[in-house]
Amino acid sequence: MVKSIVIISILYFNMLTFAQKAVDDFTGKWKAPKGAIIIITKSHTGFIGRTELEDAIVLKDVKFYNGKWTAVIINPKENQIANCELTLQEFKLKIIAKKGIFYKTLFWTKQ
């Protein structure tokens, strides 16, 4: 019985540790997989991400909703837009972009 309580307590603590939080801070410089540097700043509605060189918006409408960080990711070179879910990890930002039944996972690295 005691073992079960200890195991359940550890699992619960781990779940809380890795859960997304409304106070997560995405601000800073991030390196995208193809080498572009994205600067994420706080806006009046959440966060926004722009490329460092072209100043093009690539991440917008970043909001905490229903226990998840959601946003819109934009590929300006290919004129593609997709909804996405963000997960802040220690020095990485995991982005799962979804368009219809397709999805793609990207990792941006904190600079």
PDB file of N, CA and C in Angstrom:
ATOM      1  N   MET A   1       0.825  -1.198   0.000  1.00  0.00           N
ATOM      2  CA  MET A   1       0.000   0.000   0.000  1.00  0.00           C
ATOM      3  C   MET A   1       0.869   1.261   0.000  1.00  0.00           C
ATOM      4  N   VAL A   2       1.895   1.274   0.851  1.00  0.00           N
ATOM      5  CA  VAL A   2       2.778   2.435   0.936  1.00  0.00           C
ATOM      6  C   VAL A   2       3.528   2.617  -0.386  1.00  0.00           C
ATOM      7  N   LYS A   3       3.975   1.491  -0.984  1.00  0.00           N
ATOM      8  CA  LYS A   3       4.665   1.564  -2.272  1.00  0.00           C
ATOM      9  C   LYS A   3       3.767   2.192  -3.335  1.00  0.00           C
ATOM     10  N   SER A   4       2.521   1.815  -3.350  1.00  0.00           N
ATOM     11  CA  SER A   4       1.578   2.362  -4.326  1.00  0.00           C
ATOM     12  C   SER A   4       1.412   3.867  -4.149  1.00  0.00           C
ATOM     13  N   ILE A   5       1.300   4.316  -2.934  1.00  0.00           N
ATOM     14  CA  ILE A   5       1.146   5.745  -2.660  1.00  0.00           C
ATOM     15  C   ILE A   5       2.398   6.506  -3.089  1.00  0.00           C
ATOM     16  N   VAL A   6       3.565   5.951  -2.814  1.00  0.00           N
ATOM     17  CA  VAL A   6       4.825   6.594  -3.202  1.00  0.00           C
ATOM     18  C   VAL A   6       4.920   6.678  -4.720  1.00  0.00           C
ATOM     19  N   ILE A   7       4.613   5.605  -5.418  1.00  0.00           N
ATOM     20  CA  ILE A   7       4.681   5.583  -6.882  1.00  0.00           C
ATOM     21  C   ILE A   7       3.698   6.580  -7.486  1.00  0.00           C
ATOM     22  N   ILE A   8       2.485   6.597  -6.988  1.00  0.00           N
ATOM     23  CA  ILE A   8       1.478   7.535  -7.492  1.00  0.00           C
ATOM     24  C   ILE A   8       1.915   8.979  -7.226  1.00  0.00           C
ATOM     25  N   SER A   9       2.483   9.230  -6.053  1.00  0.00           N
ATOM     26  CA  SER A   9       2.958  10.580  -5.729  1.00  0.00           C
ATOM     27  C   SER A   9       4.074  11.016  -6.668  1.00  0.00           C
ATOM     28  N   ILE A  10       5.002  10.127  -6.972  1.00  0.00           N
ATOM     29  CA  ILE A  10       6.102  10.443  -7.889  1.00  0.00           C
ATOM     30  C   ILE A  10       5.577  10.716  -9.290  1.00  0.00           C
ATOM     31  N   LEU A  11       4.661   9.890  -9.766  1.00  0.00           N
ATOM     32  CA  LEU A  11       4.087  10.103 -11.091  1.00  0.00           C
ATOM     33  C   LEU A  11       3.335  11.427 -11.161  1.00  0.00           C
ATOM     34  N   TYR A  12       2.595  11.742 -10.133  1.00  0.00           N
ATOM     35  CA  TYR A  12       1.852  13.004 -10.099  1.00  0.00           C
ATOM     36  C   TYR A  12       2.805  14.191 -10.101  1.00  0.00           C
ATOM     37  N   PHE A  13       3.865  14.120  -9.309  1.00  0.00           N
ATOM     38  CA  PHE A  13       4.855  15.194  -9.263  1.00  0.00           C
ATOM     39  C   PHE A  13       5.519  15.386 -10.623  1.00  0.00           C
ATOM     40  N   ASN A  14       5.867  14.286 -11.295  1.00  0.00           N
ATOM     41  CA  ASN A  14       6.468  14.374 -12.624  1.00  0.00           C
ATOM     42  C   ASN A  14       5.505  15.006 -13.623  1.00  0.00           C
ATOM     43  N   MET A  15       4.251  14.656 -13.539  1.00  0.00           N
ATOM     44  CA  MET A  15       3.253  15.223 -14.442  1.00  0.00           C
ATOM     45  C   MET A  15       3.159  16.737 -14.238  1.00  0.00           C
ATOM     46  N   LEU A  16       3.169  17.189 -12.993  1.00  0.00           N
ATOM     47  CA  LEU A  16       3.108  18.619 -12.712  1.00  0.00           C
ATOM     48  C   LEU A  16       4.374  19.338 -13.169  1.00  0.00           C
ATOM     49  N   THR A  17       5.509  18.682 -13.044  1.00  0.00           N
ATOM     50  CA  THR A  17       6.777  19.279 -13.429  1.00  0.00           C
ATOM     51  C   THR A  17       6.834  19.544 -14.924  1.00  0.00           C
ATOM     52  N   PHE A  18       6.321  18.633 -15.740  1.00  0.00           N
ATOM     53  CA  PHE A  18       6.418  18.761 -17.181  1.00  0.00           C
ATOM     54  C   PHE A  18       5.165  19.336 -17.832  1.00  0.00           C
ATOM     55  N   ALA A  19       4.178  19.687 -17.062  1.00  0.00           N
ATOM     56  CA  ALA A  19       2.946  20.251 -17.618  1.00  0.00           C
ATOM     57  C   ALA A  19       3.202  21.674 -18.093  1.00  0.00           C
ATOM     58  N   GLN A  20       2.449  22.081 -19.087  1.00  0.00           N
ATOM     59  CA  GLN A  20       2.556  23.446 -19.568  1.00  0.00           C
ATOM     60  C   GLN A  20       1.894  24.371 -18.565  1.00  0.00           C
ATOM     61  N   LYS A  21       2.440  25.581 -18.469  1.00  0.00           N
ATOM     62  CA  LYS A  21       1.921  26.532 -17.500  1.00  0.00           C
ATOM     63  C   LYS A  21       1.617  27.852 -18.186  1.00  0.00           C
ATOM     64  N   ALA A  22       0.642  28.558 -17.682  1.00  0.00           N
ATOM     65  CA  ALA A  22       0.271  29.851 -18.252  1.00  0.00           C
ATOM     66  C   ALA A  22       1.367  30.886 -18.055  1.00  0.00           C
ATOM     67  N   VAL A  23       2.306  30.633 -17.169  1.00  0.00           N
ATOM     68  CA  VAL A  23       3.388  31.586 -16.911  1.00  0.00           C
ATOM     69  C   VAL A  23       4.649  31.264 -17.712  1.00  0.00           C
ATOM     70  N   ASP A  24       4.606  30.277 -18.603  1.00  0.00           N
ATOM     71  CA  ASP A  24       5.763  29.967 -19.438  1.00  0.00           C
ATOM     72  C   ASP A  24       6.188  31.218 -20.196  1.00  0.00           C
ATOM     73  N   ASP A  25       7.496  31.383 -20.371  1.00  0.00           N
ATOM     74  CA  ASP A  25       8.021  32.572 -21.040  1.00  0.00           C
ATOM     75  C   ASP A  25       8.805  32.151 -22.282  1.00  0.00           C
ATOM     76  N   PHE A  26       8.297  32.502 -23.439  1.00  0.00           N
ATOM     77  CA  PHE A  26       8.915  32.131 -24.710  1.00  0.00           C
ATOM     78  C   PHE A  26       9.865  33.200 -25.230  1.00  0.00           C
ATOM     79  N   THR A  27       9.989  34.331 -24.546  1.00  0.00           N
ATOM     80  CA  THR A  27      10.775  35.444 -25.064  1.00  0.00           C
ATOM     81  C   THR A  27      12.239  35.060 -25.238  1.00  0.00           C
ATOM     82  N   GLY A  28      12.868  35.679 -26.252  1.00  0.00           N
ATOM     83  CA  GLY A  28      14.283  35.458 -26.498  1.00  0.00           C
ATOM     84  C   GLY A  28      14.538  35.091 -27.941  1.00  0.00           C
ATOM     85  N   LYS A  29      15.797  34.721 -28.198  1.00  0.00           N
ATOM     86  CA  LYS A  29      16.202  34.318 -29.540  1.00  0.00           C
ATOM     87  C   LYS A  29      16.196  32.799 -29.638  1.00  0.00           C
ATOM     88  N   TRP A  30      15.633  32.308 -30.750  1.00  0.00           N
ATOM     89  CA  TRP A  30      15.520  30.872 -30.989  1.00  0.00           C
ATOM     90  C   TRP A  30      16.061  30.569 -32.386  1.00  0.00           C
ATOM     91  N   LYS A  31      16.761  29.462 -32.507  1.00  0.00           N
ATOM     92  CA  LYS A  31      17.292  29.046 -33.807  1.00  0.00           C
ATOM     93  C   LYS A  31      16.396  27.953 -34.379  1.00  0.00           C
ATOM     94  N   ALA A  32      15.845  28.237 -35.569  1.00  0.00           N
ATOM     95  CA  ALA A  32      14.974  27.278 -36.260  1.00  0.00           C
ATOM     96  C   ALA A  32      15.832  26.215 -36.942  1.00  0.00           C
ATOM     97  N   PRO A  33      15.233  25.072 -37.332  1.00  0.00           N
ATOM     98  CA  PRO A  33      16.000  23.972 -37.933  1.00  0.00           C
ATOM     99  C   PRO A  33      16.828  24.359 -39.164  1.00  0.00           C
ATOM    100  N   LYS A  34      16.347  25.290 -39.976  1.00  0.00           N
ATOM    101  CA  LYS A  34      17.091  25.679 -41.176  1.00  0.00           C
ATOM    102  C   LYS A  34      18.056  26.827 -40.912  1.00  0.00           C
ATOM    103  N   GLY A  35      18.245  27.192 -39.648  1.00  0.00           N
ATOM    104  CA  GLY A  35      19.243  28.186 -39.280  1.00  0.00           C
ATOM    105  C   GLY A  35      18.747  29.592 -39.046  1.00  0.00           C
ATOM    106  N   ALA A  36      17.514  29.894 -39.377  1.00  0.00           N
ATOM    107  CA  ALA A  36      16.984  31.247 -39.156  1.00  0.00           C
ATOM    108  C   ALA A  36      16.887  31.519 -37.658  1.00  0.00           C
ATOM    109  N   ILE A  37      17.154  32.749 -37.283  1.00  0.00           N
ATOM    110  CA  ILE A  37      17.004  33.166 -35.890  1.00  0.00           C
ATOM    111  C   ILE A  37      15.645  33.854 -35.750  1.00  0.00           C
ATOM    112  N   ILE A  38      14.858  33.368 -34.797  1.00  0.00           N
ATOM    113  CA  ILE A  38      13.529  33.901 -34.521  1.00  0.00           C
ATOM    114  C   ILE A  38      13.590  34.630 -33.187  1.00  0.00           C
ATOM    115  N   ILE A  39      13.105  35.845 -33.171  1.00  0.00           N
ATOM    116  CA  ILE A  39      13.048  36.616 -31.927  1.00  0.00           C
ATOM    117  C   ILE A  39      11.597  36.643 -31.466  1.00  0.00           C
ATOM    118  N   ILE A  40      11.359  36.052 -30.304  1.00  0.00           N
ATOM    119  CA  ILE A  40      10.010  36.023 -29.728  1.00  0.00           C
ATOM    120  C   ILE A  40       9.927  37.096 -28.653  1.00  0.00           C
ATOM    121  N   THR A  41       8.912  37.946 -28.785  1.00  0.00           N
ATOM    122  CA  THR A  41       8.684  39.004 -27.813  1.00  0.00           C
ATOM    123  C   THR A  41       7.256  38.906 -27.291  1.00  0.00           C
ATOM    124  N   LYS A  42       7.036  39.525 -26.159  1.00  0.00           N
ATOM    125  CA  LYS A  42       5.702  39.543 -25.571  1.00  0.00           C
ATOM    126  C   LYS A  42       4.884  40.621 -26.274  1.00  0.00           C
ATOM    127  N   SER A  43       3.638  40.306 -26.566  1.00  0.00           N
ATOM    128  CA  SER A  43       2.726  41.291 -27.158  1.00  0.00           C
ATOM    129  C   SER A  43       1.553  41.486 -26.206  1.00  0.00           C
ATOM    130  N   HIS A  44       0.645  42.352 -26.545  1.00  0.00           N
ATOM    131  CA  HIS A  44      -0.495  42.605 -25.657  1.00  0.00           C
ATOM    132  C   HIS A  44      -1.451  41.412 -25.579  1.00  0.00           C
ATOM    133  N   THR A  45      -1.362  40.497 -26.558  1.00  0.00           N
ATOM    134  CA  THR A  45      -2.250  39.330 -26.547  1.00  0.00           C
ATOM    135  C   THR A  45      -1.535  38.027 -26.224  1.00  0.00           C
ATOM    136  N   GLY A  46      -0.227  38.038 -26.082  1.00  0.00           N
ATOM    137  CA  GLY A  46       0.536  36.806 -25.805  1.00  0.00           C
ATOM    138  C   GLY A  46       1.978  36.978 -26.228  1.00  0.00           C
ATOM    139  N   PHE A  47       2.393  36.258 -27.255  1.00  0.00           N
ATOM    140  CA  PHE A  47       3.745  36.342 -27.781  1.00  0.00           C
ATOM    141  C   PHE A  47       3.683  36.393 -29.306  1.00  0.00           C
ATOM    142  N   ILE A  48       4.750  36.919 -29.906  1.00  0.00           N
ATOM    143  CA  ILE A  48       4.863  36.964 -31.358  1.00  0.00           C
ATOM    144  C   ILE A  48       6.317  36.686 -31.729  1.00  0.00           C
ATOM    145  N   GLY A  49       6.518  35.939 -32.821  1.00  0.00           N
ATOM    146  CA  GLY A  49       7.868  35.604 -33.264  1.00  0.00           C
ATOM    147  C   GLY A  49       8.148  36.167 -34.638  1.00  0.00           C
ATOM    148  N   ARG A  50       9.309  36.834 -34.767  1.00  0.00           N
ATOM    149  CA  ARG A  50       9.723  37.424 -36.050  1.00  0.00           C
ATOM    150  C   ARG A  50      11.125  36.952 -36.395  1.00  0.00           C
ATOM    151  N   THR A  51      11.378  36.821 -37.693  1.00  0.00           N
ATOM    152  CA  THR A  51      12.738  36.477 -38.115  1.00  0.00           C
ATOM    153  C   THR A  51      13.638  37.677 -37.855  1.00  0.00           C
ATOM    154  N   GLU A  52      14.874  37.386 -37.474  1.00  0.00           N
ATOM    155  CA  GLU A  52      15.811  38.443 -37.121  1.00  0.00           C
ATOM    156  C   GLU A  52      16.207  39.276 -38.345  1.00  0.00           C
ATOM    157  N   LEU A  53      16.463  38.637 -39.480  1.00  0.00           N
ATOM    158  CA  LEU A  53      16.951  39.361 -40.651  1.00  0.00           C
ATOM    159  C   LEU A  53      15.843  40.026 -41.461  1.00  0.00           C
ATOM    160  N   GLU A  54      14.794  39.309 -41.776  1.00  0.00           N
ATOM    161  CA  GLU A  54      13.737  39.848 -42.644  1.00  0.00           C
ATOM    162  C   GLU A  54      12.631  40.563 -41.871  1.00  0.00           C
ATOM    163  N   ASP A  55      12.584  40.391 -40.564  1.00  0.00           N
ATOM    164  CA  ASP A  55      11.531  40.941 -39.716  1.00  0.00           C
ATOM    165  C   ASP A  55      10.141  40.452 -40.153  1.00  0.00           C
ATOM    166  N   ALA A  56      10.085  39.222 -40.664  1.00  0.00           N
ATOM    167  CA  ALA A  56       8.814  38.619 -41.073  1.00  0.00           C
ATOM    168  C   ALA A  56       8.203  37.881 -39.883  1.00  0.00           C
ATOM    169  N   ILE A  57       6.902  37.993 -39.720  1.00  0.00           N
ATOM    170  CA  ILE A  57       6.206  37.275 -38.644  1.00  0.00           C
ATOM    171  C   ILE A  57       6.137  35.799 -39.006  1.00  0.00           C
ATOM    172  N   VAL A  58       6.625  34.938 -38.107  1.00  0.00           N
ATOM    173  CA  VAL A  58       6.573  33.491 -38.336  1.00  0.00           C
ATOM    174  C   VAL A  58       5.786  32.765 -37.249  1.00  0.00           C
ATOM    175  N   LEU A  59       5.488  33.454 -36.161  1.00  0.00           N
ATOM    176  CA  LEU A  59       4.721  32.857 -35.071  1.00  0.00           C
ATOM    177  C   LEU A  59       3.835  33.953 -34.488  1.00  0.00           C
ATOM    178  N   LYS A  60       2.526  33.700 -34.445  1.00  0.00           N
ATOM    179  CA  LYS A  60       1.623  34.725 -33.917  1.00  0.00           C
ATOM    180  C   LYS A  60       0.480  34.070 -33.154  1.00  0.00           C
ATOM    181  N   ASP A  61      -0.268  34.901 -32.475  1.00  0.00           N
ATOM    182  CA  ASP A  61      -1.426  34.459 -31.692  1.00  0.00           C
ATOM    183  C   ASP A  61      -1.060  33.374 -30.678  1.00  0.00           C
ATOM    184  N   VAL A  62       0.106  33.499 -30.063  1.00  0.00           N
ATOM    185  CA  VAL A  62       0.541  32.528 -29.044  1.00  0.00           C
ATOM    186  C   VAL A  62      -0.264  32.795 -27.782  1.00  0.00           C
ATOM    187  N   LYS A  63      -1.090  31.816 -27.405  1.00  0.00           N
ATOM    188  CA  LYS A  63      -1.995  31.976 -26.264  1.00  0.00           C
ATOM    189  C   LYS A  63      -2.060  30.673 -25.463  1.00  0.00           C
ATOM    190  N   PHE A  64      -2.315  30.828 -24.180  1.00  0.00           N
ATOM    191  CA  PHE A  64      -2.530  29.675 -23.311  1.00  0.00           C
ATOM    192  C   PHE A  64      -4.026  29.432 -23.241  1.00  0.00           C
ATOM    193  N   TYR A  65      -4.469  28.282 -23.745  1.00  0.00           N
ATOM    194  CA  TYR A  65      -5.895  27.991 -23.828  1.00  0.00           C
ATOM    195  C   TYR A  65      -6.134  26.515 -23.522  1.00  0.00           C
ATOM    196  N   ASN A  66      -7.033  26.222 -22.601  1.00  0.00           N
ATOM    197  CA  ASN A  66      -7.373  24.850 -22.205  1.00  0.00           C
ATOM    198  C   ASN A  66      -6.140  24.043 -21.801  1.00  0.00           C
ATOM    199  N   GLY A  67      -5.238  24.657 -21.061  1.00  0.00           N
ATOM    200  CA  GLY A  67      -4.070  23.952 -20.557  1.00  0.00           C
ATOM    201  C   GLY A  67      -2.967  23.729 -21.577  1.00  0.00           C
ATOM    202  N   LYS A  68      -3.055  24.387 -22.748  1.00  0.00           N
ATOM    203  CA  LYS A  68      -2.048  24.222 -23.797  1.00  0.00           C
ATOM    204  C   LYS A  68      -1.685  25.573 -24.382  1.00  0.00           C
ATOM    205  N   TRP A  69      -0.450  25.681 -24.849  1.00  0.00           N
ATOM    206  CA  TRP A  69      -0.027  26.848 -25.605  1.00  0.00           C
ATOM    207  C   TRP A  69      -0.332  26.580 -27.066  1.00  0.00           C
ATOM    208  N   THR A  70      -1.120  27.437 -27.663  1.00  0.00           N
ATOM    209  CA  THR A  70      -1.461  27.306 -29.080  1.00  0.00           C
ATOM    210  C   THR A  70      -0.998  28.557 -29.818  1.00  0.00           C
ATOM    211  N   ALA A  71      -0.813  28.421 -31.123  1.00  0.00           N
ATOM    212  CA  ALA A  71      -0.359  29.554 -31.927  1.00  0.00           C
ATOM    213  C   ALA A  71      -0.634  29.271 -33.392  1.00  0.00           C
ATOM    214  N   VAL A  72      -0.244  30.230 -34.206  1.00  0.00           N
ATOM    215  CA  VAL A  72      -0.271  30.077 -35.659  1.00  0.00           C
ATOM    216  C   VAL A  72       1.173  30.225 -36.122  1.00  0.00           C
ATOM    217  N   ILE A  73       1.653  29.251 -36.884  1.00  0.00           N
ATOM    218  CA  ILE A  73       3.013  29.303 -37.422  1.00  0.00           C
ATOM    219  C   ILE A  73       2.919  29.587 -38.916  1.00  0.00           C
ATOM    220  N   ILE A  74       3.836  30.423 -39.385  1.00  0.00           N
ATOM    221  CA  ILE A  74       3.800  30.877 -40.770  1.00  0.00           C
ATOM    222  C   ILE A  74       5.145  30.608 -41.429  1.00  0.00           C
ATOM    223  N   ASN A  75       5.102  30.052 -42.629  1.00  0.00           N
ATOM    224  CA  ASN A  75       6.297  29.914 -43.456  1.00  0.00           C
ATOM    225  C   ASN A  75       6.152  30.932 -44.582  1.00  0.00           C
ATOM    226  N   PRO A  76       6.738  32.140 -44.411  1.00  0.00           N
ATOM    227  CA  PRO A  76       6.513  33.193 -45.402  1.00  0.00           C
ATOM    228  C   PRO A  76       7.096  32.877 -46.784  1.00  0.00           C
ATOM    229  N   LYS A  77       8.150  32.089 -46.844  1.00  0.00           N
ATOM    230  CA  LYS A  77       8.772  31.771 -48.139  1.00  0.00           C
ATOM    231  C   LYS A  77       7.886  30.875 -48.995  1.00  0.00           C
ATOM    232  N   GLU A  78       7.138  29.980 -48.342  1.00  0.00           N
ATOM    233  CA  GLU A  78       6.254  29.070 -49.075  1.00  0.00           C
ATOM    234  C   GLU A  78       4.788  29.463 -48.931  1.00  0.00           C
ATOM    235  N   ASN A  79       4.551  30.592 -48.252  1.00  0.00           N
ATOM    236  CA  ASN A  79       3.194  31.106 -48.043  1.00  0.00           C
ATOM    237  C   ASN A  79       2.276  30.049 -47.416  1.00  0.00           C
ATOM    238  N   GLN A  80       2.779  29.377 -46.374  1.00  0.00           N
ATOM    239  CA  GLN A  80       1.988  28.363 -45.671  1.00  0.00           C
ATOM    240  C   GLN A  80       1.712  28.819 -44.248  1.00  0.00           C
ATOM    241  N   ILE A  81       0.503  28.520 -43.790  1.00  0.00           N
ATOM    242  CA  ILE A  81       0.066  28.868 -42.438  1.00  0.00           C
ATOM    243  C   ILE A  81      -0.536  27.619 -41.809  1.00  0.00           C
ATOM    244  N   ALA A  82      -0.216  27.380 -40.535  1.00  0.00           N
ATOM    245  CA  ALA A  82      -0.774  26.214 -39.843  1.00  0.00           C
ATOM    246  C   ALA A  82      -0.983  26.544 -38.371  1.00  0.00           C
ATOM    247  N   ASN A  83      -1.961  25.917 -37.757  1.00  0.00           N
ATOM    248  CA  ASN A  83      -2.131  26.000 -36.314  1.00  0.00           C
ATOM    249  C   ASN A  83      -1.066  25.129 -35.674  1.00  0.00           C
ATOM    250  N   CYS A  84      -0.652  25.479 -34.469  1.00  0.00           N
ATOM    251  CA  CYS A  84       0.360  24.662 -33.810  1.00  0.00           C
ATOM    252  C   CYS A  84       0.168  24.675 -32.303  1.00  0.00           C
ATOM    253  N   GLU A  85       0.837  23.725 -31.681  1.00  0.00           N
ATOM    254  CA  GLU A  85       0.879  23.617 -30.230  1.00  0.00           C
ATOM    255  C   GLU A  85       2.336  23.729 -29.822  1.00  0.00           C
ATOM    256  N   LEU A  86       2.607  24.514 -28.771  1.00  0.00           N
ATOM    257  CA  LEU A  86       3.968  24.759 -28.323  1.00  0.00           C
ATOM    258  C   LEU A  86       4.193  24.117 -26.964  1.00  0.00           C
ATOM    259  N   THR A  87       5.365  23.538 -26.799  1.00  0.00           N
ATOM    260  CA  THR A  87       5.762  23.004 -25.506  1.00  0.00           C
ATOM    261  C   THR A  87       7.159  23.520 -25.209  1.00  0.00           C
ATOM    262  N   LEU A  88       7.294  24.247 -24.122  1.00  0.00           N
ATOM    263  CA  LEU A  88       8.576  24.799 -23.717  1.00  0.00           C
ATOM    264  C   LEU A  88       9.334  23.745 -22.931  1.00  0.00           C
ATOM    265  N   GLN A  89      10.506  23.384 -23.461  1.00  0.00           N
ATOM    266  CA  GLN A  89      11.384  22.461 -22.760  1.00  0.00           C
ATOM    267  C   GLN A  89      12.571  23.269 -22.262  1.00  0.00           C
ATOM    268  N   GLU A  90      13.545  22.658 -21.617  1.00  0.00           N
ATOM    269  CA  GLU A  90      14.610  23.428 -20.975  1.00  0.00           C
ATOM    270  C   GLU A  90      15.263  24.445 -21.914  1.00  0.00           C
ATOM    271  N   PHE A  91      15.871  24.015 -22.985  1.00  0.00           N
ATOM    272  CA  PHE A  91      16.506  24.924 -23.936  1.00  0.00           C
ATOM    273  C   PHE A  91      15.955  24.734 -25.342  1.00  0.00           C
ATOM    274  N   LYS A  92      14.770  24.142 -25.437  1.00  0.00           N
ATOM    275  CA  LYS A  92      14.150  23.893 -26.729  1.00  0.00           C
ATOM    276  C   LYS A  92      12.685  24.288 -26.684  1.00  0.00           C
ATOM    277  N   LEU A  93      12.189  24.632 -27.852  1.00  0.00           N
ATOM    278  CA  LEU A  93      10.776  24.902 -28.022  1.00  0.00           C
ATOM    279  C   LEU A  93      10.263  23.882 -29.020  1.00  0.00           C
ATOM    280  N   LYS A  94       9.389  23.010 -28.556  1.00  0.00           N
ATOM    281  CA  LYS A  94       8.803  21.981 -29.417  1.00  0.00           C
ATOM    282  C   LYS A  94       7.542  22.553 -30.042  1.00  0.00           C
ATOM    283  N   ILE A  95       7.494  22.498 -31.367  1.00  0.00           N
ATOM    284  CA  ILE A  95       6.358  23.032 -32.100  1.00  0.00           C
ATOM    285  C   ILE A  95       5.747  21.906 -32.920  1.00  0.00           C
ATOM    286  N   ILE A  96       4.479  21.632 -32.689  1.00  0.00           N
ATOM    287  CA  ILE A  96       3.767  20.632 -33.490  1.00  0.00           C
ATOM    288  C   ILE A  96       2.775  21.395 -34.353  1.00  0.00           C
ATOM    289  N   ALA A  97       3.126  21.526 -35.638  1.00  0.00           N
ATOM    290  CA  ALA A  97       2.282  22.241 -36.593  1.00  0.00           C
ATOM    291  C   ALA A  97       1.289  21.262 -37.193  1.00  0.00           C
ATOM    292  N   LYS A  98       0.016  21.667 -37.254  1.00  0.00           N
ATOM    293  CA  LYS A  98      -1.048  20.787 -37.752  1.00  0.00           C
ATOM    294  C   LYS A  98      -1.813  21.491 -38.861  1.00  0.00           C
ATOM    295  N   LYS A  99      -1.977  20.773 -39.958  1.00  0.00           N
ATOM    296  CA  LYS A  99      -2.766  21.290 -41.072  1.00  0.00           C
ATOM    297  C   LYS A  99      -3.585  20.124 -41.614  1.00  0.00           C
ATOM    298  N   GLY A 100      -4.877  20.159 -41.349  1.00  0.00           N
ATOM    299  CA  GLY A 100      -5.726  19.041 -41.745  1.00  0.00           C
ATOM    300  C   GLY A 100      -5.338  17.794 -40.959  1.00  0.00           C
ATOM    301  N   ILE A 101      -5.095  16.701 -41.670  1.00  0.00           N
ATOM    302  CA  ILE A 101      -4.710  15.452 -41.006  1.00  0.00           C
ATOM    303  C   ILE A 101      -3.197  15.315 -40.892  1.00  0.00           C
ATOM    304  N   PHE A 102      -2.458  16.279 -41.427  1.00  0.00           N
ATOM    305  CA  PHE A 102      -1.004  16.217 -41.418  1.00  0.00           C
ATOM    306  C   PHE A 102      -0.441  17.035 -40.262  1.00  0.00           C
ATOM    307  N   TYR A 103       0.733  16.605 -39.773  1.00  0.00           N
ATOM    308  CA  TYR A 103       1.407  17.379 -38.745  1.00  0.00           C
ATOM    309  C   TYR A 103       2.916  17.242 -38.920  1.00  0.00           C
ATOM    310  N   LYS A 104       3.628  18.214 -38.380  1.00  0.00           N
ATOM    311  CA  LYS A 104       5.085  18.218 -38.446  1.00  0.00           C
ATOM    312  C   LYS A 104       5.600  18.745 -37.117  1.00  0.00           C
ATOM    313  N   THR A 105       6.620  18.083 -36.586  1.00  0.00           N
ATOM    314  CA  THR A 105       7.208  18.508 -35.331  1.00  0.00           C
ATOM    315  C   THR A 105       8.533  19.219 -35.613  1.00  0.00           C
ATOM    316  N   LEU A 106       8.668  20.406 -35.057  1.00  0.00           N
ATOM    317  CA  LEU A 106       9.893  21.201 -35.189  1.00  0.00           C
ATOM    318  C   LEU A 106      10.454  21.467 -33.804  1.00  0.00           C
ATOM    319  N   PHE A 107      11.759  21.619 -33.736  1.00  0.00           N
ATOM    320  CA  PHE A 107      12.401  22.020 -32.487  1.00  0.00           C
ATOM    321  C   PHE A 107      13.231  23.268 -32.740  1.00  0.00           C
ATOM    322  N   TRP A 108      12.938  24.332 -31.998  1.00  0.00           N
ATOM    323  CA  TRP A 108      13.758  25.532 -32.043  1.00  0.00           C
ATOM    324  C   TRP A 108      14.634  25.513 -30.799  1.00  0.00           C
ATOM    325  N   THR A 109      15.898  25.916 -30.949  1.00  0.00           N
ATOM    326  CA  THR A 109      16.857  25.879 -29.864  1.00  0.00           C
ATOM    327  C   THR A 109      17.096  27.286 -29.324  1.00  0.00           C
ATOM    328  N   LYS A 110      17.082  27.411 -28.006  1.00  0.00           N
ATOM    329  CA  LYS A 110      17.307  28.709 -27.358  1.00  0.00           C
ATOM    330  C   LYS A 110      18.733  29.165 -27.617  1.00  0.00           C
ATOM    331  N   GLN A 111      18.892  30.427 -27.983  1.00  0.00           N
ATOM    332  CA  GLN A 111      20.213  31.002 -28.268  1.00  0.00           C
ATOM    333  C   GLN A 111      20.689  31.860 -27.124  1.00  0.00           C
TER     334      GLN A 111
END
